Amino acid sequence: MLFYILLFLGIVSLWWHWRARDRMKVTNLTGKYIFITGCDTGFGNMAAKIFDKKGFRVFASCLTETGAKELKAVTSKQLQTVLLDVRDSDSVKKVAAWVKAEVQSEGLWGLVNNAGITGPSAPTDWLDIEHFREPIEVNLIGLINVTINMLPLIKKAKGRIVNVSSVGGCLAFSGGGYFPSKFGVEGFNDSLRRDMKAFGVKVSCIQPGLFKTALSNPAKIMKEKEVIWNKLSPDIKKQYGDEYFQKDAAKKQKLSKICLNKDISPVVQCMEHALTSLHPHAHYVVGQDAKLFWNPLSRMPAVIQDFLLLRNRAELAVSHAK
């Protein structure tokens, strides 16, 4: 009996120590520089506003002039916006040079790689290489390029890098370029974290579940998928069946409603913890769907993953499996 009491007290003590350690913050961060990509809408937009209010000197990159103007209109004079398409290598280099001139010898405390797109989500045999190319160019190659160009400034400040991945970087539950791009982000993040440890730079990865943002708009996703369906060859349509598109869409929409997280602030809270904690996490799993379903499922045997995920797909007109 005494053994179990001591074991219980030991577990409680470790948990309390971990909680106390998790709440320890870096001091004197007011006025530090941070650079955030993808600030037109969603996570990046909210992060730019919140970090601006908290006293950081924010460089918020936007893809569009409209996004930049709208963000600038509701933030302090200290926040600066800049137009950036992470697919454009010359633009990335120019923006990095501009940031270097702004931060000078202080360096860059934080880099938040948030810019991303979903791209078409559909069975692989519906797609061509261009459907894969854009998500990989934005979500992976663009993220790596921005990081490489900002890295000297981060190392100078012994700062933080926060990469926004997805629970889809651990479990691919649909076809398309989004999931390969996020698996790539996970690999890059882990190697970068180990490479930068010797320089005092801490690297974190955020893995959100399904959140209500412009990227997860179900109407937009289904419209993209319908365009692809309408261009399919008669042979592929015959394999899947005329009713496949509508039936599969109904199943996907039902799952989306169950999993959708409407409040996006927890993702930004994880960004803040990664930037300000003395002991940031290597990975942040965010969203009830991610914590309770997607993340646990990603750790299960493939036979269980396949069974559960295939239940969310419509059946083909004629099964070709043997």
Foldseek 3Di string as FASTA:
>chain_A
DVVVVVVVVVVVVVVVVVVVQLPAWDPDQAAAEEEEEACLWDPNVVLLAVVQVVRYQYEYEHQDPVSQVVSVVRGDPSHHYDYDDLLDLVRLLVVLVVVCVVCPQQFHAEYEYDDFAQFAWAAPVLDDVVSQPVRLSRLAVSSVSNCVSRVVRNLSNLHEYEYEAALLLLPPLTDTNNSVNRVNVVVVQVVVQVVCVVSNYHYAYEHEYAEDIPRNPLVVNLVSVVVSVVPDDPVVCLFQDPCQSVVLSVLVVVVCVVFYDHDSVVRSVLVVSRGIRPDRDNYHYDGPCRVPPSVVLSPDDPVVVCVVSCVSGDGGPDDPDD
